PDB file of N, CA and C in Angstrom:
ATOM      1  N   UNK A   1     -84.947 -17.972 -79.369  1.00  0.00           N
ATOM      2  CA  UNK A   1     -85.394 -16.883 -78.246  1.00  0.00           C
ATOM      3  C   UNK A   1     -85.880 -18.588 -77.847  1.00  0.00           C
ATOM      4  N   UNK A   2     -86.389 -18.040 -76.229  1.00  0.00           N
ATOM      5  CA  UNK A   2     -86.833 -19.118 -75.310  1.00  0.00           C
ATOM      6  C   UNK A   2     -88.555 -19.872 -74.948  1.00  0.00           C
ATOM      7  N   UNK A   3     -88.398 -21.224 -74.947  1.00  0.00           N
ATOM      8  CA  UNK A   3     -89.139 -21.775 -75.310  1.00  0.00           C
ATOM      9  C   UNK A   3     -90.263 -22.095 -74.088  1.00  0.00           C
ATOM     10  N   UNK A   4     -88.921 -22.736 -72.978  1.00  0.00           N
ATOM     11  CA  UNK A   4     -90.053 -23.202 -72.092  1.00  0.00           C
ATOM     12  C   UNK A   4     -91.120 -21.726 -71.217  1.00  0.00           C
ATOM     13  N   UNK A   5     -92.010 -22.914 -70.309  1.00  0.00           N
ATOM     14  CA  UNK A   5     -93.072 -21.640 -69.563  1.00  0.00           C
ATOM     15  C   UNK A   5     -91.750 -21.698 -68.947  1.00  0.00           C
ATOM     16  N   UNK A   6     -91.837 -19.987 -68.562  1.00  0.00           N
ATOM     17  CA  UNK A   6     -90.881 -19.581 -67.427  1.00  0.00           C
ATOM     18  C   UNK A   6     -91.273 -20.282 -65.299  1.00  0.00           C
ATOM     19  N   UNK A   7     -90.455 -20.646 -64.413  1.00  0.00           N
ATOM     20  CA  UNK A   7     -91.079 -21.436 -63.671  1.00  0.00           C
ATOM     21  C   UNK A   7     -89.946 -19.961 -62.470  1.00  0.00           C
ATOM     22  N   UNK A   8     -90.032 -20.664 -60.732  1.00  0.00           N
ATOM     23  CA  UNK A   8     -89.108 -20.231 -59.838  1.00  0.00           C
ATOM     24  C   UNK A   8     -87.706 -20.941 -60.148  1.00  0.00           C
ATOM     25  N   UNK A   9     -87.937 -21.813 -60.783  1.00  0.00           N
ATOM     26  CA  UNK A   9     -86.221 -22.712 -61.123  1.00  0.00           C
ATOM     27  C   UNK A   9     -85.379 -22.221 -62.114  1.00  0.00           C
ATOM     28  N   UNK A  10     -86.553 -21.797 -63.146  1.00  0.00           N
ATOM     29  CA  UNK A  10     -85.784 -21.462 -64.462  1.00  0.00           C
ATOM     30  C   UNK A  10     -85.310 -20.041 -64.295  1.00  0.00           C
ATOM     31  N   UNK A  11     -85.743 -19.338 -63.917  1.00  0.00           N
ATOM     32  CA  UNK A  11     -85.434 -17.500 -62.892  1.00  0.00           C
ATOM     33  C   UNK A  11     -84.071 -17.540 -62.478  1.00  0.00           C
ATOM     34  N   UNK A  12     -84.057 -18.879 -61.615  1.00  0.00           N
ATOM     35  CA  UNK A  12     -82.889 -18.147 -60.900  1.00  0.00           C
ATOM     36  C   UNK A  12     -81.842 -18.990 -61.736  1.00  0.00           C
ATOM     37  N   UNK A  13     -81.773 -20.345 -62.688  1.00  0.00           N
ATOM     38  CA  UNK A  13     -80.986 -20.213 -63.959  1.00  0.00           C
ATOM     39  C   UNK A  13     -80.988 -19.987 -64.563  1.00  0.00           C
ATOM     40  N   UNK A  14     -80.885 -18.856 -64.922  1.00  0.00           N
ATOM     41  CA  UNK A  14     -80.880 -17.192 -65.893  1.00  0.00           C
ATOM     42  C   UNK A  14     -80.282 -16.385 -65.053  1.00  0.00           C
ATOM     43  N   UNK A  15     -79.907 -15.891 -63.746  1.00  0.00           N
ATOM     44  CA  UNK A  15     -79.274 -15.713 -62.876  1.00  0.00           C
ATOM     45  C   UNK A  15     -78.662 -15.576 -62.085  1.00  0.00           C
ATOM     46  N   UNK A  16     -78.352 -16.804 -63.076  1.00  0.00           N
ATOM     47  CA  UNK A  16     -76.869 -17.867 -62.835  1.00  0.00           C
ATOM     48  C   UNK A  16     -76.556 -18.602 -61.170  1.00  0.00           C
ATOM     49  N   UNK A  17     -78.143 -18.721 -60.141  1.00  0.00           N
ATOM     50  CA  UNK A  17     -78.113 -18.896 -59.722  1.00  0.00           C
ATOM     51  C   UNK A  17     -78.140 -20.461 -59.370  1.00  0.00           C
ATOM     52  N   UNK A  18     -78.177 -21.067 -58.191  1.00  0.00           N
ATOM     53  CA  UNK A  18     -78.015 -22.828 -57.783  1.00  0.00           C
ATOM     54  C   UNK A  18     -80.166 -22.295 -58.030  1.00  0.00           C
ATOM     55  N   UNK A  19     -80.360 -23.698 -58.642  1.00  0.00           N
ATOM     56  CA  UNK A  19     -81.822 -23.455 -58.553  1.00  0.00           C
ATOM     57  C   UNK A  19     -82.177 -24.356 -58.201  1.00  0.00           C
ATOM     58  N   UNK A  20     -81.549 -25.371 -57.338  1.00  0.00           N
ATOM     59  CA  UNK A  20     -82.112 -26.445 -57.043  1.00  0.00           C
ATOM     60  C   UNK A  20     -83.160 -25.898 -55.756  1.00  0.00           C
ATOM     61  N   UNK A  21     -84.737 -26.866 -55.058  1.00  0.00           N
ATOM     62  CA  UNK A  21     -84.992 -26.039 -54.738  1.00  0.00           C
ATOM     63  C   UNK A  21     -84.820 -25.794 -53.402  1.00  0.00           C
ATOM     64  N   UNK A  22     -83.829 -26.940 -53.246  1.00  0.00           N
ATOM     65  CA  UNK A  22     -83.071 -25.924 -51.603  1.00  0.00           C
ATOM     66  C   UNK A  22     -82.573 -25.336 -51.499  1.00  0.00           C
ATOM     67  N   UNK A  23     -81.313 -24.811 -52.031  1.00  0.00           N
ATOM     68  CA  UNK A  23     -81.174 -23.736 -53.033  1.00  0.00           C
ATOM     69  C   UNK A  23     -82.088 -22.457 -53.289  1.00  0.00           C
ATOM     70  N   UNK A  24     -83.372 -22.524 -53.454  1.00  0.00           N
ATOM     71  CA  UNK A  24     -84.185 -21.401 -53.464  1.00  0.00           C
ATOM     72  C   UNK A  24     -84.617 -21.575 -52.307  1.00  0.00           C
ATOM     73  N   UNK A  25     -85.162 -21.921 -51.432  1.00  0.00           N
ATOM     74  CA  UNK A  25     -85.655 -21.898 -50.076  1.00  0.00           C
ATOM     75  C   UNK A  25     -84.768 -21.002 -49.469  1.00  0.00           C
ATOM     76  N   UNK A  26     -83.369 -21.789 -49.428  1.00  0.00           N
ATOM     77  CA  UNK A  26     -82.362 -20.706 -48.623  1.00  0.00           C
ATOM     78  C   UNK A  26     -82.304 -19.428 -49.375  1.00  0.00           C
ATOM     79  N   UNK A  27     -82.012 -19.204 -50.509  1.00  0.00           N
ATOM     80  CA  UNK A  27     -81.906 -17.916 -50.592  1.00  0.00           C
ATOM     81  C   UNK A  27     -82.786 -17.097 -50.385  1.00  0.00           C
ATOM     82  N   UNK A  28     -84.353 -17.354 -50.392  1.00  0.00           N
ATOM     83  CA  UNK A  28     -85.688 -16.488 -50.374  1.00  0.00           C
ATOM     84  C   UNK A  28     -85.476 -16.347 -48.449  1.00  0.00           C
ATOM     85  N   UNK A  29     -84.909 -17.337 -47.879  1.00  0.00           N
ATOM     86  CA  UNK A  29     -85.010 -17.620 -46.541  1.00  0.00           C
ATOM     87  C   UNK A  29     -84.064 -16.448 -45.791  1.00  0.00           C
ATOM     88  N   UNK A  30     -82.557 -15.592 -46.537  1.00  0.00           N
ATOM     89  CA  UNK A  30     -81.938 -15.454 -46.055  1.00  0.00           C
ATOM     90  C   UNK A  30     -81.786 -13.808 -46.868  1.00  0.00           C
ATOM     91  N   UNK A  31     -81.996 -13.848 -47.740  1.00  0.00           N
ATOM     92  CA  UNK A  31     -82.322 -12.613 -48.817  1.00  0.00           C
ATOM     93  C   UNK A  31     -83.677 -11.816 -48.841  1.00  0.00           C
ATOM     94  N   UNK A  32     -84.798 -11.936 -47.523  1.00  0.00           N
ATOM     95  CA  UNK A  32     -85.584 -11.354 -46.648  1.00  0.00           C
ATOM     96  C   UNK A  32     -85.415  -9.709 -47.561  1.00  0.00           C
ATOM     97  N   UNK A  33     -86.714  -8.870 -48.110  1.00  0.00           N
ATOM     98  CA  UNK A  33     -86.082  -7.528 -47.889  1.00  0.00           C
ATOM     99  C   UNK A  33     -87.686  -6.495 -47.214  1.00  0.00           C
ATOM    100  N   UNK A  34     -87.413  -5.953 -47.015  1.00  0.00           N
ATOM    101  CA  UNK A  34     -88.334  -4.557 -46.015  1.00  0.00           C
ATOM    102  C   UNK A  34     -89.200  -4.153 -47.046  1.00  0.00           C
ATOM    103  N   UNK A  35     -90.259  -3.713 -46.879  1.00  0.00           N
ATOM    104  CA  UNK A  35     -91.096  -3.364 -47.590  1.00  0.00           C
ATOM    105  C   UNK A  35     -90.928  -2.208 -48.417  1.00  0.00           C
ATOM    106  N   UNK A  36     -90.037  -1.404 -48.001  1.00  0.00           N
ATOM    107  CA  UNK A  36     -88.897  -0.020 -48.948  1.00  0.00           C
ATOM    108  C   UNK A  36     -88.183  -0.263 -49.971  1.00  0.00           C
ATOM    109  N   UNK A  37     -87.747  -1.594 -49.677  1.00  0.00           N
ATOM    110  CA  UNK A  37     -86.632  -2.115 -51.381  1.00  0.00           C
ATOM    111  C   UNK A  37     -87.457  -2.217 -52.400  1.00  0.00           C
ATOM    112  N   UNK A  38     -87.201  -1.865 -53.333  1.00  0.00           N
ATOM    113  CA  UNK A  38     -88.168  -2.822 -54.392  1.00  0.00           C
ATOM    114  C   UNK A  38     -86.770  -3.923 -55.170  1.00  0.00           C
ATOM    115  N   UNK A  39     -87.750  -4.945 -55.608  1.00  0.00           N
ATOM    116  CA  UNK A  39     -87.384  -6.297 -55.843  1.00  0.00           C
ATOM    117  C   UNK A  39     -85.818  -5.668 -56.383  1.00  0.00           C
ATOM    118  N   UNK A  40     -86.150  -5.468 -57.632  1.00  0.00           N
ATOM    119  CA  UNK A  40     -84.804  -4.731 -58.476  1.00  0.00           C
ATOM    120  C   UNK A  40     -83.651  -3.383 -57.694  1.00  0.00           C
ATOM    121  N   UNK A  41     -84.299  -2.998 -56.699  1.00  0.00           N
ATOM    122  CA  UNK A  41     -83.245  -2.851 -55.326  1.00  0.00           C
ATOM    123  C   UNK A  41     -82.718  -3.400 -54.810  1.00  0.00           C
ATOM    124  N   UNK A  42     -82.725  -4.672 -54.623  1.00  0.00           N
ATOM    125  CA  UNK A  42     -81.647  -5.240 -53.729  1.00  0.00           C
ATOM    126  C   UNK A  42     -80.187  -5.407 -54.044  1.00  0.00           C
ATOM    127  N   UNK A  43     -80.091  -5.078 -52.850  1.00  0.00           N
ATOM    128  CA  UNK A  43     -77.953  -4.292 -52.677  1.00  0.00           C
ATOM    129  C   UNK A  43     -77.131  -6.603 -53.203  1.00  0.00           C
ATOM    130  N   UNK A  44     -78.008  -7.264 -53.446  1.00  0.00           N
ATOM    131  CA  UNK A  44     -77.824  -8.484 -53.439  1.00  0.00           C
ATOM    132  C   UNK A  44     -77.823  -8.956 -54.693  1.00  0.00           C
ATOM    133  N   UNK A  45     -78.146  -8.011 -55.924  1.00  0.00           N
ATOM    134  CA  UNK A  45     -78.234  -8.128 -57.347  1.00  0.00           C
ATOM    135  C   UNK A  45     -76.811  -7.841 -58.085  1.00  0.00           C
ATOM    136  N   UNK A  46     -75.836  -8.727 -58.938  1.00  0.00           N
ATOM    137  CA  UNK A  46     -75.161  -8.323 -59.958  1.00  0.00           C
ATOM    138  C   UNK A  46     -75.947  -6.837 -60.882  1.00  0.00           C
ATOM    139  N   UNK A  47     -75.379  -6.545 -61.812  1.00  0.00           N
ATOM    140  CA  UNK A  47     -76.421  -5.454 -62.779  1.00  0.00           C
ATOM    141  C   UNK A  47     -76.434  -6.402 -64.031  1.00  0.00           C
ATOM    142  N   UNK A  48     -76.087  -7.520 -64.095  1.00  0.00           N
ATOM    143  CA  UNK A  48     -76.706  -8.133 -64.721  1.00  0.00           C
ATOM    144  C   UNK A  48     -78.064  -8.705 -64.330  1.00  0.00           C
ATOM    145  N   UNK A  49     -78.144  -9.172 -63.160  1.00  0.00           N
ATOM    146  CA  UNK A  49     -79.658  -9.867 -62.856  1.00  0.00           C
ATOM    147  C   UNK A  49     -80.268  -9.245 -62.437  1.00  0.00           C
ATOM    148  N   UNK A  50     -79.810  -7.064 -62.293  1.00  0.00           N
ATOM    149  CA  UNK A  50     -80.491  -6.255 -62.080  1.00  0.00           C
ATOM    150  C   UNK A  50     -81.474  -5.914 -63.541  1.00  0.00           C
ATOM    151  N   UNK A  51     -80.929  -5.417 -64.497  1.00  0.00           N
ATOM    152  CA  UNK A  51     -81.432  -5.977 -65.764  1.00  0.00           C
ATOM    153  C   UNK A  51     -82.185  -7.261 -66.264  1.00  0.00           C
ATOM    154  N   UNK A  52     -81.722  -8.211 -65.850  1.00  0.00           N
ATOM    155  CA  UNK A  52     -82.270  -9.457 -66.700  1.00  0.00           C
ATOM    156  C   UNK A  52     -84.020  -9.347 -65.649  1.00  0.00           C
ATOM    157  N   UNK A  53     -84.209  -8.766 -63.931  1.00  0.00           N
ATOM    158  CA  UNK A  53     -85.173  -8.441 -63.681  1.00  0.00           C
ATOM    159  C   UNK A  53     -86.329  -7.446 -64.293  1.00  0.00           C
ATOM    160  N   UNK A  54     -85.456  -6.253 -64.654  1.00  0.00           N
ATOM    161  CA  UNK A  54     -86.183  -4.804 -64.174  1.00  0.00           C
ATOM    162  C   UNK A  54     -86.457  -4.898 -65.984  1.00  0.00           C
ATOM    163  N   UNK A  55     -86.100  -5.713 -66.973  1.00  0.00           N
ATOM    164  CA  UNK A  55     -86.361  -5.275 -68.197  1.00  0.00           C
ATOM    165  C   UNK A  55     -87.653  -6.671 -68.216  1.00  0.00           C
ATOM    166  N   UNK A  56     -87.889  -7.676 -67.760  1.00  0.00           N
ATOM    167  CA  UNK A  56     -88.504  -8.692 -67.679  1.00  0.00           C
ATOM    168  C   UNK A  56     -90.533  -8.228 -67.314  1.00  0.00           C
ATOM    169  N   UNK A  57     -89.723  -7.525 -66.288  1.00  0.00           N
ATOM    170  CA  UNK A  57     -90.714  -6.237 -65.439  1.00  0.00           C
ATOM    171  C   UNK A  57     -91.778  -5.618 -66.041  1.00  0.00           C
ATOM    172  N   UNK A  58     -90.562  -4.999 -67.539  1.00  0.00           N
ATOM    173  CA  UNK A  58     -91.165  -3.148 -67.781  1.00  0.00           C
ATOM    174  C   UNK A  58     -92.540  -3.994 -69.231  1.00  0.00           C
ATOM    175  N   UNK A  59     -91.151  -5.120 -69.334  1.00  0.00           N
ATOM    176  CA  UNK A  59     -91.797  -6.259 -70.643  1.00  0.00           C
ATOM    177  C   UNK A  59     -93.555  -6.481 -69.924  1.00  0.00           C
ATOM    178  N   UNK A  60     -93.581  -7.056 -68.999  1.00  0.00           N
ATOM    179  CA  UNK A  60     -94.311  -7.550 -68.721  1.00  0.00           C
ATOM    180  C   UNK A  60     -95.249  -9.072 -69.481  1.00  0.00           C
ATOM    181  N   UNK A  61     -93.368  -9.433 -69.696  1.00  0.00           N
ATOM    182  CA  UNK A  61     -93.727 -10.788 -70.287  1.00  0.00           C
ATOM    183  C   UNK A  61     -94.212 -12.411 -69.805  1.00  0.00           C
ATOM    184  N   UNK A  62     -94.265 -13.054 -70.064  1.00  0.00           N
ATOM    185  CA  UNK A  62     -94.547 -14.537 -69.303  1.00  0.00           C
ATOM    186  C   UNK A  62     -93.082 -14.923 -68.074  1.00  0.00           C
ATOM    187  N   UNK A  63     -91.919 -14.179 -68.114  1.00  0.00           N
ATOM    188  CA  UNK A  63     -90.882 -13.338 -67.187  1.00  0.00           C
ATOM    189  C   UNK A  63     -91.492 -12.817 -65.539  1.00  0.00           C
ATOM    190  N   UNK A  64     -92.761 -11.858 -66.083  1.00  0.00           N
ATOM    191  CA  UNK A  64     -93.383 -11.022 -65.090  1.00  0.00           C
ATOM    192  C   UNK A  64     -93.991 -11.760 -63.841  1.00  0.00           C
ATOM    193  N   UNK A  65     -94.443 -13.155 -64.445  1.00  0.00           N
ATOM    194  CA  UNK A  65     -95.009 -13.686 -63.587  1.00  0.00           C
ATOM    195  C   UNK A  65     -94.091 -14.049 -62.385  1.00  0.00           C
ATOM    196  N   UNK A  66     -93.784 -14.663 -62.514  1.00  0.00           N
ATOM    197  CA  UNK A  66     -91.781 -15.710 -62.314  1.00  0.00           C
ATOM    198  C   UNK A  66     -91.326 -14.226 -61.101  1.00  0.00           C
ATOM    199  N   UNK A  67     -90.958 -14.015 -62.130  1.00  0.00           N
ATOM    200  CA  UNK A  67     -90.396 -11.967 -60.801  1.00  0.00           C
ATOM    201  C   UNK A  67     -91.594 -12.099 -60.104  1.00  0.00           C
ATOM    202  N   UNK A  68     -92.714 -11.666 -59.811  1.00  0.00           N
ATOM    203  CA  UNK A  68     -93.485 -10.946 -58.980  1.00  0.00           C
ATOM    204  C   UNK A  68     -93.818 -12.755 -58.154  1.00  0.00           C
ATOM    205  N   UNK A  69     -93.329 -13.522 -58.304  1.00  0.00           N
ATOM    206  CA  UNK A  69     -93.724 -14.596 -57.333  1.00  0.00           C
ATOM    207  C   UNK A  69     -92.231 -13.947 -56.550  1.00  0.00           C
ATOM    208  N   UNK A  70     -91.050 -14.042 -57.416  1.00  0.00           N
ATOM    209  CA  UNK A  70     -90.275 -14.095 -56.447  1.00  0.00           C
ATOM    210  C   UNK A  70     -90.630 -12.576 -55.759  1.00  0.00           C
ATOM    211  N   UNK A  71     -90.068 -11.553 -56.383  1.00  0.00           N
ATOM    212  CA  UNK A  71     -90.274 -10.789 -55.183  1.00  0.00           C
ATOM    213  C   UNK A  71     -91.485 -10.889 -53.990  1.00  0.00           C
ATOM    214  N   UNK A  72     -92.368 -11.300 -54.698  1.00  0.00           N
ATOM    215  CA  UNK A  72     -93.477 -11.823 -52.895  1.00  0.00           C
ATOM    216  C   UNK A  72     -93.040 -12.795 -52.116  1.00  0.00           C
ATOM    217  N   UNK A  73     -92.344 -13.635 -52.754  1.00  0.00           N
ATOM    218  CA  UNK A  73     -91.469 -14.404 -51.882  1.00  0.00           C
ATOM    219  C   UNK A  73     -90.601 -13.575 -51.101  1.00  0.00           C
ATOM    220  N   UNK A  74     -89.639 -12.739 -51.355  1.00  0.00           N
ATOM    221  CA  UNK A  74     -88.452 -12.025 -50.770  1.00  0.00           C
ATOM    222  C   UNK A  74     -88.931 -11.242 -49.777  1.00  0.00           C
ATOM    223  N   UNK A  75     -90.539 -10.910 -49.843  1.00  0.00           N
ATOM    224  CA  UNK A  75     -91.222  -9.610 -48.958  1.00  0.00           C
ATOM    225  C   UNK A  75     -91.504 -10.585 -47.976  1.00  0.00           C
ATOM    226  N   UNK A  76     -91.600 -11.682 -48.161  1.00  0.00           N
ATOM    227  CA  UNK A  76     -92.702 -12.299 -46.916  1.00  0.00           C
ATOM    228  C   UNK A  76     -92.215 -11.542 -45.768  1.00  0.00           C
ATOM    229  N   UNK A  77     -91.866 -11.911 -45.275  1.00  0.00           N
ATOM    230  CA  UNK A  77     -91.191 -10.817 -43.805  1.00  0.00           C
ATOM    231  C   UNK A  77     -91.935 -10.297 -43.175  1.00  0.00           C
ATOM    232  N   UNK A  78     -92.123  -9.034 -44.270  1.00  0.00           N
ATOM    233  CA  UNK A  78     -92.246  -7.986 -44.021  1.00  0.00           C
ATOM    234  C   UNK A  78     -93.585  -7.123 -44.944  1.00  0.00           C
ATOM    235  N   UNK A  79     -94.825  -8.869 -44.658  1.00  0.00           N
ATOM    236  CA  UNK A  79     -96.112  -8.641 -44.471  1.00  0.00           C
ATOM    237  C   UNK A  79     -97.284  -9.181 -43.736  1.00  0.00           C
ATOM    238  N   UNK A  80     -97.474  -8.456 -43.512  1.00  0.00           N
ATOM    239  CA  UNK A  80     -98.515  -8.607 -41.526  1.00  0.00           C
ATOM    240  C   UNK A  80     -99.131  -9.709 -41.950  1.00  0.00           C
ATOM    241  N   UNK A  81     -98.740 -10.654 -41.152  1.00  0.00           N
ATOM    242  CA  UNK A  81     -99.552 -12.543 -40.834  1.00  0.00           C
ATOM    243  C   UNK A  81    -101.231 -12.323 -41.085  1.00  0.00           C
ATOM    244  N   UNK A  82    -101.969 -12.330 -41.320  1.00  0.00           N
ATOM    245  CA  UNK A  82    -103.046 -13.025 -41.256  1.00  0.00           C
ATOM    246  C   UNK A  82    -103.196 -13.951 -40.210  1.00  0.00           C
TER     247      UNK A  82
END
């Protein structure tokens, strides 16, 4: 069982990605998605990463909040700026 409150850093660790703040910023900057590509359909996920993301999103558990944050950040270039 996972007892820590999920964070973006922990999500990146769970996905097997570099979880340093610089690496997270670079990943988000270089992996922007258009609005027509859902997060879980992004072409850069491995099957295991995809499964982790979709399973927690569907469960709507504590991880889902962090997945939503990542989703928003990976679509930030596609959103209209106010």
